[in-house]
Amino acid sequence: MKLAKQSVDPLHDRTFKPSSVGAAKMPDLILTDREQRILRLIGVGATNNEVAVELSTSRRSVTTDISRLLKKIGAPNRLQAALWAGVNL
């Protein structure tokens, strides 16, 4: 009996590598004041709407900011971004 080959889809591989976020300080990464504020708000569990109210901006802007911020720090999601912030901010 032959087993079917498993294909690996890199777009759906959600394996998180701890060394990429929060394992070490990243002194060469510069975050703006706004990015730092967003990370701190995410860290206390604020929703996009709550972040938007706090920053006096639209929810859409916050969504865009968070997406860019996640890419910038290499975090796959908000939880990992909050953990990264705890180590690096």
PDB file of N, CA and C in Angstrom:
ATOM      1  N   MET A   1       0.841  -1.179   0.000  1.00  0.00           N
ATOM      2  CA  MET A   1       0.000   0.000   0.000  1.00  0.00           C
ATOM      3  C   MET A   1       0.886   1.242   0.000  1.00  0.00           C
ATOM      4  N   LYS A   2       0.635   2.154  -0.933  1.00  0.00           N
ATOM      5  CA  LYS A   2       1.410   3.384  -1.017  1.00  0.00           C
ATOM      6  C   LYS A   2       0.681   4.499  -0.289  1.00  0.00           C
ATOM      7  N   LEU A   3       1.456   5.295   0.423  1.00  0.00           N
ATOM      8  CA  LEU A   3       0.889   6.466   1.091  1.00  0.00           C
ATOM      9  C   LEU A   3       1.017   7.662   0.165  1.00  0.00           C
ATOM     10  N   ALA A   4       0.019   8.494   0.194  1.00  0.00           N
ATOM     11  CA  ALA A   4       0.056   9.697  -0.630  1.00  0.00           C
ATOM     12  C   ALA A   4       1.111  10.650  -0.093  1.00  0.00           C
ATOM     13  N   LYS A   5       1.788  11.323  -1.006  1.00  0.00           N
ATOM     14  CA  LYS A   5       2.771  12.319  -0.585  1.00  0.00           C
ATOM     15  C   LYS A   5       2.049  13.509   0.041  1.00  0.00           C
ATOM     16  N   GLN A   6       2.625  13.995   1.096  1.00  0.00           N
ATOM     17  CA  GLN A   6       2.061  15.190   1.713  1.00  0.00           C
ATOM     18  C   GLN A   6       2.732  16.399   1.091  1.00  0.00           C
ATOM     19  N   SER A   7       1.919  17.309   0.625  1.00  0.00           N
ATOM     20  CA  SER A   7       2.496  18.532   0.093  1.00  0.00           C
ATOM     21  C   SER A   7       2.525  19.575   1.197  1.00  0.00           C
ATOM     22  N   VAL A   8       3.552  20.371   1.191  1.00  0.00           N
ATOM     23  CA  VAL A   8       3.690  21.418   2.197  1.00  0.00           C
ATOM     24  C   VAL A   8       3.408  22.736   1.509  1.00  0.00           C
ATOM     25  N   ASP A   9       2.417  23.427   1.983  1.00  0.00           N
ATOM     26  CA  ASP A   9       2.051  24.723   1.446  1.00  0.00           C
ATOM     27  C   ASP A   9       2.661  25.794   2.341  1.00  0.00           C
ATOM     28  N   PRO A  10       3.697  26.501   1.870  1.00  0.00           N
ATOM     29  CA  PRO A  10       4.368  27.478   2.724  1.00  0.00           C
ATOM     30  C   PRO A  10       3.458  28.617   3.170  1.00  0.00           C
ATOM     31  N   LEU A  11       2.393  28.887   2.425  1.00  0.00           N
ATOM     32  CA  LEU A  11       1.482  29.955   2.822  1.00  0.00           C
ATOM     33  C   LEU A  11       0.647  29.570   4.032  1.00  0.00           C
ATOM     34  N   HIS A  12       0.473  28.273   4.247  1.00  0.00           N
ATOM     35  CA  HIS A  12      -0.339  27.825   5.367  1.00  0.00           C
ATOM     36  C   HIS A  12       0.488  27.201   6.482  1.00  0.00           C
ATOM     37  N   ASP A  13       1.804  27.282   6.360  1.00  0.00           N
ATOM     38  CA  ASP A  13       2.680  26.786   7.420  1.00  0.00           C
ATOM     39  C   ASP A  13       2.755  27.854   8.493  1.00  0.00           C
ATOM     40  N   ARG A  14       2.074  27.639   9.576  1.00  0.00           N
ATOM     41  CA  ARG A  14       1.998  28.621  10.651  1.00  0.00           C
ATOM     42  C   ARG A  14       2.952  28.298  11.801  1.00  0.00           C
ATOM     43  N   THR A  15       3.986  27.537  11.505  1.00  0.00           N
ATOM     44  CA  THR A  15       4.947  27.177  12.530  1.00  0.00           C
ATOM     45  C   THR A  15       5.687  28.422  12.975  1.00  0.00           C
ATOM     46  N   PHE A  16       5.648  28.691  14.233  1.00  0.00           N
ATOM     47  CA  PHE A  16       6.314  29.864  14.778  1.00  0.00           C
ATOM     48  C   PHE A  16       7.659  29.465  15.341  1.00  0.00           C
ATOM     49  N   LYS A  17       8.671  30.192  14.966  1.00  0.00           N
ATOM     50  CA  LYS A  17      10.009  29.918  15.457  1.00  0.00           C
ATOM     51  C   LYS A  17      10.338  30.932  16.545  1.00  0.00           C
ATOM     52  N   PRO A  18      10.403  30.506  17.812  1.00  0.00           N
ATOM     53  CA  PRO A  18      10.633  31.429  18.916  1.00  0.00           C
ATOM     54  C   PRO A  18      11.865  32.291  18.751  1.00  0.00           C
ATOM     55  N   SER A  19      12.867  31.812  18.057  1.00  0.00           N
ATOM     56  CA  SER A  19      14.077  32.611  17.903  1.00  0.00           C
ATOM     57  C   SER A  19      13.835  33.863  17.067  1.00  0.00           C
ATOM     58  N   SER A  20      12.739  33.870  16.294  1.00  0.00           N
ATOM     59  CA  SER A  20      12.497  35.017  15.432  1.00  0.00           C
ATOM     60  C   SER A  20      11.811  36.169  16.151  1.00  0.00           C
ATOM     61  N   VAL A  21      11.152  35.909  17.263  1.00  0.00           N
ATOM     62  CA  VAL A  21      10.462  36.977  17.984  1.00  0.00           C
ATOM     63  C   VAL A  21      10.731  36.849  19.468  1.00  0.00           C
ATOM     64  N   GLY A  22      11.313  37.874  20.029  1.00  0.00           N
ATOM     65  CA  GLY A  22      11.433  37.943  21.474  1.00  0.00           C
ATOM     66  C   GLY A  22      12.558  37.150  22.089  1.00  0.00           C
ATOM     67  N   ALA A  23      13.260  36.363  21.325  1.00  0.00           N
ATOM     68  CA  ALA A  23      14.318  35.559  21.922  1.00  0.00           C
ATOM     69  C   ALA A  23      15.524  36.410  22.276  1.00  0.00           C
ATOM     70  N   ALA A  24      15.731  37.465  21.537  1.00  0.00           N
ATOM     71  CA  ALA A  24      16.865  38.340  21.817  1.00  0.00           C
ATOM     72  C   ALA A  24      16.456  39.775  21.510  1.00  0.00           C
ATOM     73  N   LYS A  25      17.090  40.689  22.188  1.00  0.00           N
ATOM     74  CA  LYS A  25      16.828  42.098  21.907  1.00  0.00           C
ATOM     75  C   LYS A  25      17.267  42.409  20.482  1.00  0.00           C
ATOM     76  N   MET A  26      16.561  43.342  19.876  1.00  0.00           N
ATOM     77  CA  MET A  26      16.880  43.722  18.514  1.00  0.00           C
ATOM     78  C   MET A  26      17.204  45.211  18.487  1.00  0.00           C
ATOM     79  N   PRO A  27      18.404  45.602  18.897  1.00  0.00           N
ATOM     80  CA  PRO A  27      18.737  47.011  19.016  1.00  0.00           C
ATOM     81  C   PRO A  27      18.758  47.755  17.688  1.00  0.00           C
ATOM     82  N   ASP A  28      18.961  47.053  16.581  1.00  0.00           N
ATOM     83  CA  ASP A  28      19.023  47.723  15.289  1.00  0.00           C
ATOM     84  C   ASP A  28      17.639  47.982  14.687  1.00  0.00           C
ATOM     85  N   LEU A  29      16.590  47.459  15.304  1.00  0.00           N
ATOM     86  CA  LEU A  29      15.234  47.680  14.825  1.00  0.00           C
ATOM     87  C   LEU A  29      14.681  48.943  15.474  1.00  0.00           C
ATOM     88  N   ILE A  30      14.312  49.905  14.660  1.00  0.00           N
ATOM     89  CA  ILE A  30      13.806  51.172  15.188  1.00  0.00           C
ATOM     90  C   ILE A  30      12.306  51.248  14.961  1.00  0.00           C
ATOM     91  N   LEU A  31      11.568  51.413  16.050  1.00  0.00           N
ATOM     92  CA  LEU A  31      10.122  51.572  15.982  1.00  0.00           C
ATOM     93  C   LEU A  31       9.766  53.021  16.259  1.00  0.00           C
ATOM     94  N   THR A  32       8.774  53.511  15.525  1.00  0.00           N
ATOM     95  CA  THR A  32       8.299  54.870  15.777  1.00  0.00           C
ATOM     96  C   THR A  32       7.547  54.909  17.106  1.00  0.00           C
ATOM     97  N   ASP A  33       7.313  56.117  17.597  1.00  0.00           N
ATOM     98  CA  ASP A  33       6.530  56.267  18.829  1.00  0.00           C
ATOM     99  C   ASP A  33       5.143  55.650  18.655  1.00  0.00           C
ATOM    100  N   ARG A  34       4.548  55.862  17.491  1.00  0.00           N
ATOM    101  CA  ARG A  34       3.217  55.308  17.216  1.00  0.00           C
ATOM    102  C   ARG A  34       3.245  53.781  17.250  1.00  0.00           C
ATOM    103  N   GLU A  35       4.256  53.179  16.629  1.00  0.00           N
ATOM    104  CA  GLU A  35       4.366  51.716  16.628  1.00  0.00           C
ATOM    105  C   GLU A  35       4.537  51.184  18.052  1.00  0.00           C
ATOM    106  N   GLN A  36       5.334  51.864  18.845  1.00  0.00           N
ATOM    107  CA  GLN A  36       5.522  51.449  20.230  1.00  0.00           C
ATOM    108  C   GLN A  36       4.213  51.554  21.019  1.00  0.00           C
ATOM    109  N   ARG A  37       3.478  52.627  20.787  1.00  0.00           N
ATOM    110  CA  ARG A  37       2.176  52.776  21.460  1.00  0.00           C
ATOM    111  C   ARG A  37       1.225  51.663  21.071  1.00  0.00           C
ATOM    112  N   ILE A  38       1.188  51.357  19.788  1.00  0.00           N
ATOM    113  CA  ILE A  38       0.307  50.287  19.307  1.00  0.00           C
ATOM    114  C   ILE A  38       0.695  48.964  19.958  1.00  0.00           C
ATOM    115  N   LEU A  39       1.980  48.663  20.001  1.00  0.00           N
ATOM    116  CA  LEU A  39       2.428  47.417  20.628  1.00  0.00           C
ATOM    117  C   LEU A  39       2.037  47.359  22.102  1.00  0.00           C
ATOM    118  N   ARG A  40       2.182  48.463  22.793  1.00  0.00           N
ATOM    119  CA  ARG A  40       1.807  48.480  24.216  1.00  0.00           C
ATOM    120  C   ARG A  40       0.299  48.264  24.388  1.00  0.00           C
ATOM    121  N   LEU A  41      -0.488  48.864  23.515  1.00  0.00           N
ATOM    122  CA  LEU A  41      -1.940  48.684  23.584  1.00  0.00           C
ATOM    123  C   LEU A  41      -2.333  47.241  23.256  1.00  0.00           C
ATOM    124  N   ILE A  42      -1.679  46.667  22.256  1.00  0.00           N
ATOM    125  CA  ILE A  42      -1.923  45.254  21.933  1.00  0.00           C
ATOM    126  C   ILE A  42      -1.565  44.391  23.142  1.00  0.00           C
ATOM    127  N   GLY A  43      -0.482  44.757  23.815  1.00  0.00           N
ATOM    128  CA  GLY A  43      -0.013  44.000  24.968  1.00  0.00           C
ATOM    129  C   GLY A  43      -0.989  43.948  26.123  1.00  0.00           C
ATOM    130  N   VAL A  44      -1.830  44.968  26.236  1.00  0.00           N
ATOM    131  CA  VAL A  44      -2.835  44.969  27.306  1.00  0.00           C
ATOM    132  C   VAL A  44      -4.186  44.466  26.807  1.00  0.00           C
ATOM    133  N   GLY A  45      -4.191  43.961  25.560  1.00  0.00           N
ATOM    134  CA  GLY A  45      -5.405  43.335  25.040  1.00  0.00           C
ATOM    135  C   GLY A  45      -6.376  44.246  24.324  1.00  0.00           C
ATOM    136  N   ALA A  46      -5.924  45.431  23.918  1.00  0.00           N
ATOM    137  CA  ALA A  46      -6.814  46.369  23.228  1.00  0.00           C
ATOM    138  C   ALA A  46      -7.190  45.840  21.842  1.00  0.00           C
ATOM    139  N   THR A  47      -8.438  46.037  21.475  1.00  0.00           N
ATOM    140  CA  THR A  47      -8.906  45.678  20.137  1.00  0.00           C
ATOM    141  C   THR A  47      -8.483  46.773  19.152  1.00  0.00           C
ATOM    142  N   ASN A  48      -8.652  46.503  17.863  1.00  0.00           N
ATOM    143  CA  ASN A  48      -8.338  47.524  16.867  1.00  0.00           C
ATOM    144  C   ASN A  48      -9.161  48.785  17.087  1.00  0.00           C
ATOM    145  N   ASN A  49     -10.439  48.616  17.431  1.00  0.00           N
ATOM    146  CA  ASN A  49     -11.287  49.786  17.693  1.00  0.00           C
ATOM    147  C   ASN A  49     -10.787  50.584  18.890  1.00  0.00           C
ATOM    148  N   GLU A  50     -10.376  49.886  19.936  1.00  0.00           N
ATOM    149  CA  GLU A  50      -9.864  50.579  21.131  1.00  0.00           C
ATOM    150  C   GLU A  50      -8.549  51.296  20.832  1.00  0.00           C
ATOM    151  N   VAL A  51      -7.699  50.679  20.023  1.00  0.00           N
ATOM    152  CA  VAL A  51      -6.446  51.329  19.623  1.00  0.00           C
ATOM    153  C   VAL A  51      -6.765  52.573  18.799  1.00  0.00           C
ATOM    154  N   ALA A  52      -7.736  52.455  17.898  1.00  0.00           N
ATOM    155  CA  ALA A  52      -8.120  53.591  17.061  1.00  0.00           C
ATOM    156  C   ALA A  52      -8.612  54.765  17.896  1.00  0.00           C
ATOM    157  N   VAL A  53      -9.425  54.490  18.893  1.00  0.00           N
ATOM    158  CA  VAL A  53      -9.931  55.559  19.767  1.00  0.00           C
ATOM    159  C   VAL A  53      -8.766  56.197  20.525  1.00  0.00           C
ATOM    160  N   GLU A  54      -7.888  55.370  21.054  1.00  0.00           N
ATOM    161  CA  GLU A  54      -6.742  55.871  21.822  1.00  0.00           C
ATOM    162  C   GLU A  54      -5.824  56.746  20.975  1.00  0.00           C
ATOM    163  N   LEU A  55      -5.661  56.384  19.695  1.00  0.00           N
ATOM    164  CA  LEU A  55      -4.775  57.133  18.804  1.00  0.00           C
ATOM    165  C   LEU A  55      -5.498  58.207  17.996  1.00  0.00           C
ATOM    166  N   SER A  56      -6.802  58.320  18.196  1.00  0.00           N
ATOM    167  CA  SER A  56      -7.623  59.285  17.455  1.00  0.00           C
ATOM    168  C   SER A  56      -7.471  59.105  15.940  1.00  0.00           C
ATOM    169  N   THR A  57      -7.664  57.866  15.503  1.00  0.00           N
ATOM    170  CA  THR A  57      -7.562  57.548  14.088  1.00  0.00           C
ATOM    171  C   THR A  57      -8.629  56.514  13.736  1.00  0.00           C
ATOM    172  N   SER A  58      -8.664  56.101  12.494  1.00  0.00           N
ATOM    173  CA  SER A  58      -9.678  55.127  12.079  1.00  0.00           C
ATOM    174  C   SER A  58      -9.228  53.698  12.369  1.00  0.00           C
ATOM    175  N   ARG A  59     -10.197  52.806  12.482  1.00  0.00           N
ATOM    176  CA  ARG A  59      -9.902  51.394  12.691  1.00  0.00           C
ATOM    177  C   ARG A  59      -9.121  50.852  11.496  1.00  0.00           C
ATOM    178  N   ARG A  60      -9.459  51.314  10.311  1.00  0.00           N
ATOM    179  CA  ARG A  60      -8.770  50.867   9.093  1.00  0.00           C
ATOM    180  C   ARG A  60      -7.280  51.227   9.142  1.00  0.00           C
ATOM    181  N   SER A  61      -6.965  52.428   9.598  1.00  0.00           N
ATOM    182  CA  SER A  61      -5.561  52.843   9.740  1.00  0.00           C
ATOM    183  C   SER A  61      -4.831  51.957  10.734  1.00  0.00           C
ATOM    184  N   VAL A  62      -5.506  51.632  11.824  1.00  0.00           N
ATOM    185  CA  VAL A  62      -4.903  50.772  12.844  1.00  0.00           C
ATOM    186  C   VAL A  62      -4.658  49.382  12.282  1.00  0.00           C
ATOM    187  N   THR A  63      -5.613  48.856  11.534  1.00  0.00           N
ATOM    188  CA  THR A  63      -5.447  47.539  10.921  1.00  0.00           C
ATOM    189  C   THR A  63      -4.217  47.525  10.017  1.00  0.00           C
ATOM    190  N   THR A  64      -4.065  48.558   9.215  1.00  0.00           N
ATOM    191  CA  THR A  64      -2.906  48.671   8.326  1.00  0.00           C
ATOM    192  C   THR A  64      -1.620  48.801   9.140  1.00  0.00           C
ATOM    193  N   ASP A  65      -1.647  49.651  10.156  1.00  0.00           N
ATOM    194  CA  ASP A  65      -0.472  49.841  11.009  1.00  0.00           C
ATOM    195  C   ASP A  65      -0.039  48.529  11.665  1.00  0.00           C
ATOM    196  N   ILE A  66      -0.994  47.778  12.179  1.00  0.00           N
ATOM    197  CA  ILE A  66      -0.676  46.521  12.856  1.00  0.00           C
ATOM    198  C   ILE A  66      -0.112  45.508  11.863  1.00  0.00           C
ATOM    199  N   SER A  67      -0.682  45.426  10.679  1.00  0.00           N
ATOM    200  CA  SER A  67      -0.166  44.497   9.664  1.00  0.00           C
ATOM    201  C   SER A  67       1.288  44.814   9.326  1.00  0.00           C
ATOM    202  N   ARG A  68       1.580  46.082   9.134  1.00  0.00           N
ATOM    203  CA  ARG A  68       2.955  46.495   8.819  1.00  0.00           C
ATOM    204  C   ARG A  68       3.888  46.247  10.001  1.00  0.00           C
ATOM    205  N   LEU A  69       3.385  46.495  11.188  1.00  0.00           N
ATOM    206  CA  LEU A  69       4.182  46.296  12.395  1.00  0.00           C
ATOM    207  C   LEU A  69       4.516  44.821  12.604  1.00  0.00           C
ATOM    208  N   LEU A  70       3.549  43.946  12.374  1.00  0.00           N
ATOM    209  CA  LEU A  70       3.795  42.510  12.507  1.00  0.00           C
ATOM    210  C   LEU A  70       4.903  42.071  11.543  1.00  0.00           C
ATOM    211  N   LYS A  71       4.854  42.571  10.315  1.00  0.00           N
ATOM    212  CA  LYS A  71       5.898  42.233   9.339  1.00  0.00           C
ATOM    213  C   LYS A  71       7.248  42.781   9.788  1.00  0.00           C
ATOM    214  N   LYS A  72       7.241  44.001  10.287  1.00  0.00           N
ATOM    215  CA  LYS A  72       8.479  44.662  10.680  1.00  0.00           C
ATOM    216  C   LYS A  72       9.204  43.906  11.789  1.00  0.00           C
ATOM    217  N   ILE A  73       8.464  43.409  12.762  1.00  0.00           N
ATOM    218  CA  ILE A  73       9.105  42.705  13.881  1.00  0.00           C
ATOM    219  C   ILE A  73       9.160  41.195  13.666  1.00  0.00           C
ATOM    220  N   GLY A  74       8.538  40.721  12.597  1.00  0.00           N
ATOM    221  CA  GLY A  74       8.580  39.293  12.279  1.00  0.00           C
ATOM    222  C   GLY A  74       7.646  38.445  13.116  1.00  0.00           C
ATOM    223  N   ALA A  75       6.570  39.035  13.582  1.00  0.00           N
ATOM    224  CA  ALA A  75       5.606  38.300  14.406  1.00  0.00           C
ATOM    225  C   ALA A  75       4.443  37.825  13.540  1.00  0.00           C
ATOM    226  N   PRO A  76       4.012  36.573  13.705  1.00  0.00           N
ATOM    227  CA  PRO A  76       2.917  36.054  12.886  1.00  0.00           C
ATOM    228  C   PRO A  76       1.530  36.484  13.364  1.00  0.00           C
ATOM    229  N   ASN A  77       1.434  36.993  14.591  1.00  0.00           N
ATOM    230  CA  ASN A  77       0.122  37.374  15.119  1.00  0.00           C
ATOM    231  C   ASN A  77       0.273  38.357  16.280  1.00  0.00           C
ATOM    232  N   ARG A  78      -0.861  38.848  16.776  1.00  0.00           N
ATOM    233  CA  ARG A  78      -0.872  39.850  17.836  1.00  0.00           C
ATOM    234  C   ARG A  78      -0.256  39.324  19.132  1.00  0.00           C
ATOM    235  N   LEU A  79      -0.522  38.082  19.449  1.00  0.00           N
ATOM    236  CA  LEU A  79       0.019  37.514  20.683  1.00  0.00           C
ATOM    237  C   LEU A  79       1.547  37.521  20.647  1.00  0.00           C
ATOM    238  N   GLN A  80       2.108  37.063  19.540  1.00  0.00           N
ATOM    239  CA  GLN A  80       3.562  37.055  19.431  1.00  0.00           C
ATOM    240  C   GLN A  80       4.129  38.481  19.408  1.00  0.00           C
ATOM    241  N   ALA A  81       3.395  39.423  18.850  1.00  0.00           N
ATOM    242  CA  ALA A  81       3.828  40.822  18.865  1.00  0.00           C
ATOM    243  C   ALA A  81       3.865  41.345  20.301  1.00  0.00           C
ATOM    244  N   ALA A  82       2.856  40.982  21.090  1.00  0.00           N
ATOM    245  CA  ALA A  82       2.822  41.408  22.496  1.00  0.00           C
ATOM    246  C   ALA A  82       3.993  40.797  23.269  1.00  0.00           C
ATOM    247  N   LEU A  83       4.290  39.536  23.003  1.00  0.00           N
ATOM    248  CA  LEU A  83       5.425  38.894  23.659  1.00  0.00           C
ATOM    249  C   LEU A  83       6.737  39.544  23.242  1.00  0.00           C
ATOM    250  N   TRP A  84       6.841  39.856  21.966  1.00  0.00           N
ATOM    251  CA  TRP A  84       8.038  40.551  21.453  1.00  0.00           C
ATOM    252  C   TRP A  84       8.202  41.891  22.151  1.00  0.00           C
ATOM    253  N   ALA A  85       7.106  42.613  22.292  1.00  0.00           N
ATOM    254  CA  ALA A  85       7.161  43.931  22.935  1.00  0.00           C
ATOM    255  C   ALA A  85       7.602  43.818  24.387  1.00  0.00           C
ATOM    256  N   GLY A  86       7.155  42.765  25.070  1.00  0.00           N
ATOM    257  CA  GLY A  86       7.536  42.571  26.456  1.00  0.00           C
ATOM    258  C   GLY A  86       9.037  42.411  26.637  1.00  0.00           C
ATOM    259  N   VAL A  87       9.688  41.860  25.642  1.00  0.00           N
ATOM    260  CA  VAL A  87      11.135  41.649  25.705  1.00  0.00           C
ATOM    261  C   VAL A  87      11.900  42.851  25.169  1.00  0.00           C
ATOM    262  N   ASN A  88      11.370  43.476  24.124  1.00  0.00           N
ATOM    263  CA  ASN A  88      12.132  44.473  23.387  1.00  0.00           C
ATOM    264  C   ASN A  88      11.793  45.940  23.644  1.00  0.00           C
ATOM    265  N   LEU A  89      10.702  46.203  24.318  1.00  0.00           N
ATOM    266  CA  LEU A  89      10.361  47.621  24.584  1.00  0.00           C
ATOM    267  C   LEU A  89      10.665  47.980  26.016  1.00  0.00           C
TER     268      LEU A  89
END
